[in-house]
Amino acid sequence: MSKTKDIASVANTIERYQNNSNIADIIDQAAMTKSVCVEVVNEKASTLYSSMYFGKGCVSSKEESLGYKKDFIRSNKERQTYELINPMFDNHTLIQAIKLDSETYAFINTSMDPIDGTVDILQTQLIYVTIIVLILSFVIAYFISHHISKPIVQMNKAAKGLAEGKFQVSFKTDEDINELNELATSLNYAKDELAKTDELRQDLMANVSHDLKTPLTMIKAYAEMSRDLHIKDKKKQKEDMNIIIDEVDRLTILVNDILELSSMQSNINELEKEDFDLIHLTQEILHRYTVLQETENYIFEFNHKEKEIIIHADKKKLEQVIYNLINNAINYTGEDNKVIINITKEKTNILVEIKDTGKGIKKEDLPYIWDKYYKNKKKHKRNLVGTGLGLSIVKNALQLHDYEYGVTSEKNKGSCFYFKIPRTKEKNHKEN
């Protein structure tokens, strides 16, 4: 097809410029460009002009090779293509014959052998190139896979160490591969979070052990005192019994809090929603702290504009939320012993705030204060009230309700814990 196009192109050029005074130069240029032979003959098949290019495509002018020329001249056709074996070179030749005028004819010849030779060369080259490319592909694939697999193997080894509790492992790669670097970053983040969880677990065990051990020690001590020292002193025995009862109550509260937290985290508890007055509930909770007002001079400031705010929620869980937040404020408020409770109706929410006037919480500690037994500087502090699980219980209860919650804190000015109850639920209740 390529050679047919070449000779057709030269034929078109000759036809276009046959009357040009420089036709000989034009023929030579076209013949050289397309690697073809051009021969112009008269009506007797005698050569009038032959192109300067002479290759294997040029057919001999001997008598035995004149048959196709005479055949074309006698046919009186304008153009015809011949395929024959060139007797001069014994090669396959393609010939295009064109009639220029009644006395002049042109024959454009080109050999097909160079195409076949080129195909053979290309086939041979393709075999070698294919082999070389395959070898190079295997070599490159090996180095690329080694380049990628080496850091993955290292990460896999570190991950196994992490599974064994070795949190000091580090996931890193020196390779400039974005996916591997992102994987290393994610694994390091997971490792850090697992390390924090393990540290909190250890703190929880230590703190629970401490909170269990202290009242148990006191119970045993006062029981022995009542038995051995105050056996005849009824007044002292009564005091001993009261202390024992107080410590048992403290143990009961601790165990109940642990069970409550465990059930919430296991999604055992379902919300038992009902309608109730949030203002009245808060007032009832504050009434429990009368003894602290009288004995410890605590001040509880309750600010609310509405006489009542009816909401639809789990009353017991919200009661525990408010109670635990007030306990937390009592434990960490400032020297003025002041705790502030605000309930405000906003446009879309009912905002509940419990504030203290203490030293505040460091910014870096804020994300962790909802964790079980989390303490600043990791020092266990025996609370005035509560068990150290209060904020974790608050978090789980509010998450069950799907309420927004959080904390803001300012150094030496105290902290404000808050949660928001959507007013849409209040409106639905009123409509019902």
Protein backbone atom coordinates (compact mmCIF):
# COMPACT_ATOMS: atom_id res chain seq x y z
CA MET A 1 0.00 0.00 0.00
CA SER A 2 2.85 2.34 0.89
CA LYS A 3 4.65 1.72 -2.43
CA THR A 4 1.41 2.05 -4.39
CA LYS A 5 0.85 5.44 -2.80
CA ASP A 6 4.44 6.46 -3.60
CA ILE A 7 4.22 5.68 -7.32
CA ALA A 8 0.72 7.21 -7.53
CA SER A 9 2.09 10.37 -5.97
CA VAL A 10 4.92 10.58 -8.51
CA ALA A 11 2.44 9.88 -11.35
CA ASN A 12 0.23 12.74 -10.16
CA THR A 13 3.26 15.05 -10.04
CA ILE A 14 4.27 14.17 -13.61
CA GLU A 15 0.72 14.72 -14.89
CA ARG A 16 0.52 18.05 -13.10
CA TYR A 17 3.82 19.40 -14.47
CA GLN A 18 4.09 17.58 -17.85
CA ASN A 19 4.03 20.86 -19.78
CA ASN A 20 6.50 22.60 -17.45
CA SER A 21 9.86 23.51 -19.04
CA ASN A 22 11.66 22.00 -15.99
CA ILE A 23 9.78 18.69 -16.13
CA ALA A 24 13.04 16.71 -16.19
CA ASP A 25 14.22 18.25 -12.93
CA ILE A 26 10.77 17.74 -11.38
CA ILE A 27 10.81 14.05 -12.37
CA ASP A 28 14.30 13.55 -10.97
CA GLN A 29 13.37 15.23 -7.69
CA ALA A 30 10.17 13.17 -7.30
CA ALA A 31 12.01 9.94 -8.20
CA MET A 32 14.77 10.59 -5.67
CA THR A 33 12.28 11.52 -2.95
CA LYS A 34 10.15 8.38 -3.35
CA SER A 35 13.04 6.05 -4.41
CA VAL A 36 11.35 5.12 -7.69
CA CYS A 37 12.43 4.99 -11.36
CA VAL A 38 10.66 7.04 -14.01
CA GLU A 39 10.87 6.35 -17.74
CA VAL A 40 9.16 8.42 -20.43
CA VAL A 41 8.62 6.69 -23.82
CA ASN A 42 7.00 7.43 -27.18
CA GLU A 43 4.31 5.48 -28.97
CA LYS A 44 6.92 2.96 -30.15
CA ALA A 45 8.07 2.29 -26.56
CA SER A 46 11.40 4.00 -27.24
CA THR A 47 12.86 5.83 -24.23
CA LEU A 48 12.65 9.61 -24.43
CA TYR A 49 13.80 10.32 -20.87
CA SER A 50 14.86 8.29 -17.85
CA SER A 51 15.20 9.60 -14.29
CA MET A 52 18.66 9.98 -12.77
CA TYR A 53 17.74 7.64 -9.88
CA PHE A 54 18.42 4.05 -10.94
CA GLY A 55 17.76 1.30 -8.42
CA LYS A 56 16.50 -2.23 -8.23
CA GLY A 57 13.02 -0.91 -9.04
CA CYS A 58 14.05 0.15 -12.52
CA VAL A 59 13.03 -2.25 -15.23
CA SER A 60 15.38 -3.03 -18.15
CA SER A 61 14.63 -1.57 -21.57
CA LYS A 62 15.56 -4.78 -23.30
CA GLU A 63 13.14 -6.34 -25.75
CA GLU A 64 11.95 -9.01 -23.33
CA SER A 65 10.89 -6.31 -20.87
CA LEU A 66 8.93 -4.21 -23.35
CA GLY A 67 5.80 -6.34 -23.30
CA TYR A 68 3.95 -4.39 -20.57
CA LYS A 69 4.85 -1.06 -22.21
CA LYS A 70 3.48 -2.05 -25.61
CA ASP A 71 0.46 -3.58 -23.91
CA PHE A 72 -0.34 -0.28 -22.17
CA ILE A 73 0.24 1.80 -25.31
CA ARG A 74 -2.13 -0.46 -27.31
CA SER A 75 -4.77 -0.39 -24.56
CA ASN A 76 -5.22 3.36 -24.94
CA LYS A 77 -5.95 3.60 -21.15
CA GLU A 78 -5.13 6.67 -19.15
CA ARG A 79 -3.55 4.79 -16.20
CA GLN A 80 -2.83 1.19 -15.25
CA THR A 81 -0.80 -0.69 -12.62
CA TYR A 82 1.39 -3.72 -13.36
CA GLU A 83 3.13 -6.19 -11.10
CA LEU A 84 5.94 -8.29 -12.58
CA ILE A 85 9.32 -9.90 -11.99
CA ASN A 86 12.11 -7.61 -13.12
CA PRO A 87 14.36 -9.79 -15.35
CA MET A 88 17.35 -7.52 -14.67
CA PHE A 89 17.41 -8.08 -10.90
CA ASP A 90 14.94 -10.96 -10.61
CA ASN A 91 12.90 -9.01 -8.11
CA HIS A 92 9.22 -8.25 -7.62
CA THR A 93 8.44 -4.86 -9.18
CA LEU A 94 5.38 -2.59 -9.07
CA ILE A 95 4.79 -0.39 -12.14
CA GLN A 96 2.34 2.47 -12.68
CA ALA A 97 1.76 3.43 -16.34
CA ILE A 98 0.18 6.77 -17.27
CA LYS A 99 -0.71 8.32 -20.63
CA LEU A 100 0.60 11.88 -20.90
CA ASP A 101 -0.63 12.52 -24.44
CA SER A 102 -1.25 10.55 -27.63
CA GLU A 103 2.49 10.12 -28.25
CA THR A 104 4.02 10.15 -24.76
CA TYR A 105 3.78 7.69 -21.90
CA ALA A 106 5.38 7.49 -18.47
CA PHE A 107 6.20 4.38 -16.44
CA ILE A 108 6.99 4.67 -12.71
CA ASN A 109 8.72 1.59 -11.29
CA THR A 110 9.52 0.59 -7.71
CA SER A 111 10.86 -2.63 -6.25
CA MET A 112 8.87 -4.51 -3.60
CA ASP A 113 12.00 -6.30 -2.34
CA PRO A 114 13.15 -3.45 -0.09
CA ILE A 115 9.82 -3.65 1.70
CA ASP A 116 10.21 -7.38 2.25
CA GLY A 117 13.79 -6.84 3.39
CA THR A 118 12.72 -4.11 5.73
CA VAL A 119 10.01 -6.37 7.15
CA ASP A 120 12.59 -9.11 7.74
CA ILE A 121 14.92 -6.64 9.43
CA LEU A 122 12.12 -5.26 11.57
CA GLN A 123 10.99 -8.76 12.54
CA THR A 124 14.53 -9.65 13.60
CA GLN A 125 14.92 -6.36 15.42
CA LEU A 126 11.54 -6.84 17.10
CA ILE A 127 12.67 -10.20 18.48
CA TYR A 128 15.86 -8.69 19.91
CA VAL A 129 14.08 -5.58 21.16
CA THR A 130 11.37 -7.73 22.79
CA ILE A 131 13.98 -9.86 24.55
CA ILE A 132 15.90 -6.78 25.72
CA VAL A 133 12.71 -5.04 26.89
CA LEU A 134 11.59 -8.14 28.79
CA ILE A 135 14.97 -8.46 30.50
CA LEU A 136 14.99 -4.75 31.37
CA SER A 137 11.38 -5.02 32.59
CA PHE A 138 12.26 -7.89 34.92
CA VAL A 139 15.31 -6.01 36.24
CA ILE A 140 13.38 -2.77 36.73
CA ALA A 141 10.41 -4.62 38.25
CA TYR A 142 12.77 -6.37 40.68
CA PHE A 143 14.33 -3.13 41.86
CA ILE A 144 10.99 -1.32 42.03
CA SER A 145 9.37 -4.15 44.00
CA HIS A 146 12.41 -4.29 46.30
CA HIS A 147 12.25 -0.50 46.62
CA ILE A 148 8.58 -0.70 47.66
CA SER A 149 8.56 -4.02 49.53
CA LYS A 150 11.52 -3.27 51.81
CA PRO A 151 9.76 -0.49 53.78
CA ILE A 152 6.53 -2.57 53.79
CA VAL A 153 8.42 -5.51 55.31
CA GLN A 154 9.88 -3.15 57.93
CA MET A 155 6.41 -1.78 58.72
CA ASN A 156 5.02 -5.31 58.94
CA LYS A 157 7.74 -6.22 61.44
CA ALA A 158 7.00 -3.09 63.48
CA ALA A 159 3.24 -3.85 63.34
CA LYS A 160 3.87 -7.32 64.80
CA GLY A 161 5.84 -5.68 67.59
CA LEU A 162 2.94 -3.29 68.17
CA ALA A 163 0.56 -6.27 68.41
CA GLU A 164 2.80 -7.62 71.17
CA GLY A 165 2.45 -4.36 73.11
CA LYS A 166 5.77 -2.81 72.11
CA PHE A 167 4.60 0.79 71.77
CA GLN A 168 8.13 2.15 71.39
CA VAL A 169 8.26 0.90 67.77
CA SER A 170 8.33 3.50 65.02
CA PHE A 171 6.86 3.30 61.54
CA LYS A 172 9.08 5.22 59.16
CA THR A 173 10.29 5.05 55.57
CA ASP A 174 13.08 6.86 53.77
CA GLU A 175 11.48 6.24 50.40
CA ASP A 176 9.94 9.12 48.48
CA ILE A 177 6.63 7.29 47.94
CA ASN A 178 3.55 9.25 49.02
CA GLU A 179 1.40 6.18 49.71
CA LEU A 180 4.05 4.60 51.97
CA ASN A 181 4.64 7.87 53.79
CA GLU A 182 0.88 8.26 54.39
CA LEU A 183 0.69 4.65 55.62
CA ALA A 184 3.61 5.26 58.01
CA THR A 185 1.92 8.41 59.32
CA SER A 186 -1.38 6.56 59.88
CA LEU A 187 0.35 3.66 61.65
CA ASN A 188 2.31 6.04 63.88
CA TYR A 189 -0.94 7.79 64.77
CA ALA A 190 -2.59 4.43 65.56
CA LYS A 191 0.44 3.46 67.65
CA ASP A 192 0.28 6.69 69.65
CA GLU A 193 -3.44 6.27 70.27
CA LEU A 194 -2.97 2.66 71.35
CA ALA A 195 -0.15 3.74 73.66
CA LYS A 196 -2.44 6.36 75.20
CA THR A 197 -5.20 3.77 75.60
CA ASP A 198 -2.81 1.36 77.26
CA GLU A 199 -1.52 4.09 79.55
CA LEU A 200 -5.08 5.05 80.48
CA ARG A 201 -5.89 1.39 81.11
CA GLN A 202 -2.95 1.14 83.48
CA ASP A 203 -4.00 4.39 85.16
CA LEU A 204 -7.55 3.07 85.47
CA MET A 205 -6.36 -0.11 87.15
CA ALA A 206 -4.11 1.85 89.49
CA ASN A 207 -6.79 4.38 90.37
CA VAL A 208 -9.56 1.83 90.83
CA SER A 209 -7.21 -0.22 93.00
CA HIS A 210 -6.44 2.89 95.02
CA ASP A 211 -10.10 3.82 95.40
CA LEU A 212 -10.97 0.28 96.44
CA LYS A 213 -8.03 -0.18 98.75
CA THR A 214 -8.48 3.01 100.77
CA PRO A 215 -12.08 2.45 101.93
CA LEU A 216 -11.43 -1.27 102.46
CA THR A 217 -8.45 -0.44 104.65
CA MET A 218 -10.52 2.04 106.65
CA ILE A 219 -13.41 -0.42 107.00
CA LYS A 220 -11.07 -3.07 108.33
CA ALA A 221 -9.31 -0.64 110.66
CA TYR A 222 -12.49 0.77 112.20
CA ALA A 223 -14.03 -2.70 112.44
CA GLU A 224 -10.98 -3.89 114.39
CA MET A 225 -11.06 -0.78 116.57
CA SER A 226 -14.73 -1.35 117.32
CA ARG A 227 -14.03 -4.98 118.18
CA ASP A 228 -10.81 -4.57 120.17
CA LEU A 229 -10.72 -1.03 121.59
CA HIS A 230 -14.28 0.25 121.76
CA ILE A 231 -16.09 -2.93 122.65
CA LYS A 232 -17.43 -1.34 125.84
CA ASP A 233 -17.76 2.21 124.54
CA LYS A 234 -21.09 2.36 122.67
CA LYS A 235 -20.54 5.94 121.56
CA LYS A 236 -17.19 5.14 119.96
CA GLN A 237 -18.60 2.00 118.42
CA LYS A 238 -21.38 4.05 116.85
CA GLU A 239 -18.83 6.48 115.41
CA ASP A 240 -16.83 3.56 114.06
CA MET A 241 -19.98 2.08 112.47
CA ASN A 242 -20.85 5.42 110.87
CA ILE A 243 -17.39 5.67 109.29
CA ILE A 244 -17.66 2.07 108.07
CA ILE A 245 -21.07 2.82 106.55
CA ASP A 246 -19.68 5.95 104.84
CA GLU A 247 -16.82 3.98 103.33
CA VAL A 248 -19.17 1.22 102.19
CA ASP A 249 -21.31 3.90 100.54
CA ARG A 250 -18.22 5.22 98.79
CA LEU A 251 -17.40 1.71 97.56
CA THR A 252 -20.97 1.27 96.37
CA ILE A 253 -20.82 4.51 94.40
CA LEU A 254 -17.51 3.49 92.82
CA VAL A 255 -18.76 0.04 91.80
CA ASN A 256 -22.02 1.50 90.46
CA ASP A 257 -20.09 4.06 88.40
CA ILE A 258 -17.85 1.38 86.92
CA LEU A 259 -20.88 -0.77 86.06
CA GLU A 260 -22.75 2.23 84.62
CA LEU A 261 -19.79 3.21 82.45
CA SER A 262 -19.26 -0.37 81.27
CA SER A 263 -22.94 -0.80 80.34
CA MET A 264 -23.00 2.51 78.45
CA GLN A 265 -19.89 1.65 76.46
CA SER A 266 -21.32 -1.79 75.66
CA ASN A 267 -24.59 -0.15 74.48
CA ILE A 268 -26.48 -2.31 76.98
CA ASN A 269 -28.45 0.64 78.26
CA GLU A 270 -31.14 2.06 76.02
CA LEU A 271 -32.62 5.48 76.48
CA GLU A 272 -35.86 5.56 78.41
CA LYS A 273 -37.16 8.95 77.41
CA GLU A 274 -39.87 10.84 79.23
CA ASP A 275 -41.07 14.41 79.68
CA PHE A 276 -39.68 16.29 82.68
CA ASP A 277 -38.78 19.77 83.87
CA LEU A 278 -35.05 20.45 83.49
CA ILE A 279 -35.14 23.39 85.94
CA HIS A 280 -36.85 21.35 88.68
CA LEU A 281 -34.44 18.43 88.13
CA THR A 282 -31.42 20.73 88.57
CA GLN A 283 -32.90 22.24 91.73
CA GLU A 284 -33.40 18.74 93.18
CA ILE A 285 -29.77 17.85 92.43
CA LEU A 286 -28.50 21.06 94.06
CA HIS A 287 -30.52 20.28 97.19
CA ARG A 288 -28.25 17.27 97.77
CA TYR A 289 -25.30 19.61 98.33
CA THR A 290 -26.85 21.42 101.29
CA VAL A 291 -24.40 19.70 103.61
CA LEU A 292 -21.47 21.12 101.60
CA GLN A 293 -22.97 24.60 101.82
CA GLU A 294 -23.27 24.29 105.57
CA THR A 295 -20.00 22.50 106.39
CA GLU A 296 -17.59 23.53 103.63
CA ASN A 297 -19.06 26.97 102.76
CA TYR A 298 -19.66 26.06 99.12
CA ILE A 299 -21.69 28.53 97.05
CA PHE A 300 -24.00 27.20 94.31
CA GLU A 301 -25.25 29.89 91.91
CA PHE A 302 -28.13 28.69 89.70
CA ASN A 303 -29.08 31.13 86.90
CA HIS A 304 -32.21 30.61 84.77
CA LYS A 305 -34.85 32.96 83.37
CA GLU A 306 -37.60 30.39 82.77
CA LYS A 307 -39.59 28.88 85.61
CA GLU A 308 -39.70 25.57 83.80
CA ILE A 309 -38.23 23.97 80.66
CA ILE A 310 -39.92 20.73 79.65
CA ILE A 311 -37.72 18.38 77.63
CA HIS A 312 -38.07 14.82 76.32
CA ALA A 313 -35.03 12.74 77.33
CA ASP A 314 -33.77 10.00 79.63
CA LYS A 315 -34.25 11.62 83.03
CA LYS A 316 -31.95 9.31 85.00
CA LYS A 317 -29.06 9.75 82.60
CA LEU A 318 -29.38 13.54 82.40
CA GLU A 319 -29.64 13.64 86.19
CA GLN A 320 -26.36 11.73 86.35
CA VAL A 321 -24.79 14.08 83.77
CA ILE A 322 -25.66 17.23 85.76
CA TYR A 323 -24.73 15.57 89.06
CA ASN A 324 -21.31 14.47 87.77
CA LEU A 325 -20.55 17.86 86.21
CA ILE A 326 -21.40 19.61 89.49
CA ASN A 327 -19.21 17.11 91.38
CA ASN A 328 -16.36 17.87 88.99
CA ALA A 329 -16.80 21.62 89.51
CA ILE A 330 -16.81 21.12 93.31
CA ASN A 331 -13.52 19.20 93.14
CA TYR A 332 -11.69 21.76 91.01
CA THR A 333 -13.24 25.14 91.87
CA GLY A 334 -11.16 27.96 93.34
CA GLU A 335 -10.66 29.22 96.89
CA ASP A 336 -14.06 30.92 96.80
CA ASN A 337 -15.74 27.46 96.63
CA LYS A 338 -18.11 28.79 94.00
CA VAL A 339 -19.96 26.68 91.42
CA ILE A 340 -22.17 28.34 88.77
CA ILE A 341 -24.98 26.58 86.89
CA ASN A 342 -26.57 28.35 83.90
CA ILE A 343 -29.54 27.10 81.87
CA THR A 344 -30.32 29.31 78.87
CA LYS A 345 -32.78 29.06 76.03
CA GLU A 346 -31.06 29.79 72.73
CA LYS A 347 -32.58 30.02 69.27
CA THR A 348 -32.14 26.34 68.44
CA ASN A 349 -30.84 24.80 71.68
CA ILE A 350 -31.17 24.73 75.44
CA LEU A 351 -27.70 25.44 76.76
CA VAL A 352 -26.64 23.92 80.11
CA GLU A 353 -23.37 25.23 81.61
CA ILE A 354 -21.58 24.23 84.83
CA LYS A 355 -18.65 26.50 85.74
CA ASP A 356 -15.94 26.47 88.37
CA THR A 357 -13.44 29.18 89.38
CA GLY A 358 -10.33 27.00 89.61
CA LYS A 359 -6.96 27.04 87.88
CA GLY A 360 -8.37 25.87 84.55
CA ILE A 361 -7.24 23.10 82.22
CA LYS A 362 -4.24 23.23 79.93
CA LYS A 363 -5.11 23.41 76.25
CA GLU A 364 -3.15 20.24 75.47
CA ASP A 365 -5.10 18.35 78.17
CA LEU A 366 -8.58 19.31 76.94
CA PRO A 367 -8.99 16.39 74.46
CA TYR A 368 -8.26 13.83 77.20
CA ILE A 369 -10.28 15.03 80.18
CA TRP A 370 -13.24 12.87 79.14
CA ASP A 371 -11.12 9.73 79.48
CA LYS A 372 -11.50 7.46 82.48
CA TYR A 373 -9.43 8.64 85.45
CA TYR A 374 -7.50 11.17 83.40
CA LYS A 375 -5.61 13.50 85.74
CA ASN A 376 -3.28 16.38 85.07
CA LYS A 377 0.36 15.34 85.54
CA LYS A 378 -0.94 11.78 86.06
CA LYS A 379 -1.15 12.20 89.84
CA HIS A 380 -4.12 10.54 91.46
CA LYS A 381 -6.17 12.90 93.56
CA ARG A 382 -8.80 11.68 95.96
CA ASN A 383 -11.87 13.68 95.09
CA LEU A 384 -14.02 15.38 97.68
CA VAL A 385 -17.01 13.77 95.94
CA GLY A 386 -17.26 11.31 93.07
CA THR A 387 -15.04 8.49 91.86
CA GLY A 388 -12.95 9.87 88.99
CA LEU A 389 -15.19 8.26 86.37
CA GLY A 390 -17.70 11.11 86.24
CA LEU A 391 -16.66 12.83 83.00
CA SER A 392 -16.40 9.55 81.12
CA ILE A 393 -19.96 8.69 82.21
CA VAL A 394 -21.08 12.19 81.15
CA LYS A 395 -19.54 11.73 77.71
CA ASN A 396 -21.23 8.37 77.13
CA ALA A 397 -24.64 9.58 78.33
CA LEU A 398 -24.53 12.68 76.11
CA GLN A 399 -23.39 10.62 73.13
CA LEU A 400 -26.33 8.27 73.64
CA HIS A 401 -28.62 11.33 73.46
CA ASP A 402 -26.63 12.69 70.48
CA TYR A 403 -26.21 16.02 72.29
CA GLU A 404 -23.42 18.44 71.49
CA TYR A 405 -21.06 18.85 74.45
CA GLY A 406 -17.66 20.29 75.30
CA VAL A 407 -15.51 22.33 77.63
CA THR A 408 -13.86 25.73 77.59
CA SER A 409 -11.16 26.75 80.00
CA GLU A 410 -9.04 29.79 80.82
CA LYS A 411 -5.94 29.73 82.99
CA ASN A 412 -6.60 30.81 86.58
CA LYS A 413 -10.21 31.65 85.69
CA GLY A 414 -11.77 28.21 85.75
CA SER A 415 -13.49 25.86 83.35
CA CYS A 416 -16.96 25.67 81.83
CA PHE A 417 -18.49 22.32 80.91
CA TYR A 418 -21.55 22.51 78.69
CA PHE A 419 -24.02 20.50 76.66
CA LYS A 420 -26.83 21.51 74.31
CA ILE A 421 -30.31 20.01 74.07
CA PRO A 422 -31.92 20.65 70.63
CA ARG A 423 -35.13 22.68 70.99
CA THR A 424 -36.73 20.85 68.04
CA LYS A 425 -37.49 18.00 70.42
CA GLU A 426 -39.05 20.46 72.87
CA LYS A 427 -41.28 21.84 70.12
CA ASN A 428 -42.34 18.37 69.04
CA HIS A 429 -43.27 17.61 72.63
CA LYS A 430 -45.42 20.75 72.92
CA GLU A 431 -47.21 19.94 69.66
CA ASN A 432 -47.94 16.43 70.88
